[in-house]
Structure formats: structure tokens, C-alpha cells
Amino acid sequence: MKCFERLVLKHIKNLLPPTLDPLQFVYRPKCSTDDAITTTLHLALTHMDKKDTYVRMLFIDFSSAFNTIIPQTQIEKLSLLGLNHSLCNWILHFLSERPQTVQIRNSFSSTTTLSTGAPQGCVLSPLLFTLLTHDCLAMHNSNHIIKFADDTTVEGLISKGDESVYREELHRLADWCKINNLSLNVDKTKGMVVDFRRSHTNNSPLNTNGSSVEIVKSYKFLGVHLTENLTWSLNTSSIAKKAQQRLYFLRRLKKAHLPPPILTTFYSGTVESILSTCINTWFGNWTITDRKTLQRIVRTAEKIIGVSLPSITDIYTTHCIRKAIRITSDPTHPLHLLFVLLSSGQKYRSIWARKVRLRDSFFPRVIRLLNSM
């Protein structure tokens, strides 16, 4: 059944318009979580490069998101997206009248028929939820709703302390959730304020469904630890801990007398993959201490294997160039317009930055890197 679902998934993706919600990064070719994170950070840093500005982020958690889908509402939205009648009927049958039972050891519950929600663990469920939320868009150009499947972040670019437009956007989002039978989990929904102004005051909390949303100093956003001061020490320590745990297995393989080529392959798949996780998002603004922490892990792996390995800087450069090529070749990417060729057709126009935080972030750095090649 899952093999058949993958065929249906591919067919649906081929029918969808390419301009569908550019800030939804799941199920898009050559896009991943680091695209969502770099987009979020670039929008924030570009805005805060101006005077008297700050950013509010709301990391939304839906209560049992997949279990609340109303099949008829889903089908209406799929029809508006251009899916044909027979395919919509198949999906409606897929979502409706599903028998379900619960087993505990050798005991079985009575069978219940469900006609709400998408089946857990199915291949089609994340895509169907993504298409259900495709019309959840920001109404004002100072707000952005960035999505990766059901992970949703509402980013507000605040100027001169006026949050009225951002709070109005959250009210519209709450109304949209009620219409689409989605419920916000206020306890797990968190807010964060990124404010580097010298005279900033305590920001008032946001209210959702009559409850205040907790403002936190750090949040794990799509696997990366974001902090209110946009430093990366917490994220670095998390990466270092995971990588060091995997060095243990590398030592065990070394004691088993495996040859260096196999050890290098194991290192690339289990250790380097951890070190390079979303490296585009945090490498430019991390400290020398953070860099030494991760480079120390690379040197340890070199001693275990007995061969030279790519440094953290080399890993970053490789990932930067690869990511830049993917964005420039995808006109539908929300940040494709940042790569503008000069009249010579050989170099890209640099991104002007007033502050170091923006100048050292991913997009200005990768453009400088491409121009130097």
C-alpha cells in the first residue's frame, strides 16, 4: 500500500502549480530544513539591519494536526488546486470510513470507524496536511508564515515598536484554524523576541485562544537551536555532543582493524553528517570557540582513522556552493532573487549590509564566495 501511495504522491506533486506557497519548504525539489531556517534568519537579519527594528517569532504547535483533517474540506481545497474529480474521490475514500482497533498484548478493543484525520504513518498524510494549509498565508508584507509540513513559524518584522499588524495577523491565523478544524496547542506554542536595540523594553506576551504564549530565550527550530541573541554556542554544544557519541563507534571499528577507506566512509555518514547539519545557517556568525570545538572533533577522527579529513571550513564551503547552485537553478525559491548577475554576467551583485550580523550570514557570504571563484 505504501508503494502505491508513493505513486499517488508523485502524481499529485506533478499536478500542483509551481508557485504554490513559496514559504512551504517540504515536498519541494532540492529544498530541506536549512532552506526554511536560512530564509527565516535572512528575513530577520535584513529587517534588523535598519534602525529601531526587532523581530518576533511564534513557533506554532498544532494539537494532533493530522487527526483533525476534515475529508470534505480537504477535497474542496484539492479541487481548487486543479486535481481532477476521480483523484479527489479516491482521496476522499482513502480518508473516510477507516476501521480502527487497539491491541494491548492479546486483548483487542471493539472496531471503530473513523472519517476524520489522515492515517498516521502513511506516505500521503504529510502532503495532504501541507495542501490543507496552502492558503494559510500572511496578509501583510511585514509578516511571514514559514512552514515545513506541520512545523509553522509566524515571523513579524516590527518597526518602531508597532506590533498591531503582527497581532492582527495572529488573530487571523486563529480564525483560519477554527475554520479548518485545527487547534493550537498553547502550552507547546512558544514565542521569541530578537531585539538588539539598546533601549528595548520587556515585550508584552502574545495571546492565543485566550491564553498567553510563553516567551522563551531559545527554541529548537527544525533541529537547530535558535536563541534570542542569535548566538550559536547552544547549537554547537548540541552538535558536538552528538558527534562525540558517534566517535565511540569509530574507535570500535578501528579496534576491529577495518581499513581507512571504510572508516572514512563511516565517518562521513555518521560524524561529518552531524557536523554539517544546517551548517549554512550558523557557520558565518559563530565564535572562534565554537569553531575550535567542532574542529577538535575532526582532528580526533583524523587520529583514529589515520588520514586527513576535510576541515569545518572546507565542509562549509562545499555546502555553500552546493546550496547556491540549487537556489540559482530554482526560480520558485523565495530567495532566488537575491542572486542577481551584474551586467558583465560573471559576478553577482553583493548584498549591502550595515551590521556584521547580516554581512556574515549565509547569503552575503555565499555571494562573496561565488564572486571570488
Foldseek 3Di string as FASTA:
>chain_A
DLVVVVVVVVVLLVLFDLQQQLLAFAPDPPGDQLLNLLVQVLLQQVLVLDPQKWKKKKWWDWDLLQQAFQLVLLLVLSVVRPDDDVSSVVVQVQQFQDWDWDDDPHDIDDIDTDNGGHDPPHPCSLVSQCSSCSPLAQPDPQWGWHHHRRGIMIMGIDHNPDCPSVLVSLVVNLVVCVVRRIDIDQVPIEMEMQDDDPPDDDDDFHDDPRDTHHYDQWDQRSNAIAGSPRERPVRLVVLLVQLVVLVVVLLVVLVVVDALVVSVVSCVVRRVCSLLVSCQAHVLPYDPVSQVSSQVSQVVSCVSSVHHDDGSVRSNLVVLVVSLVVLCVRPSNPCNVQFDADPVNQAGDADDGPDSVNCRHRSNVSRVVSRVD
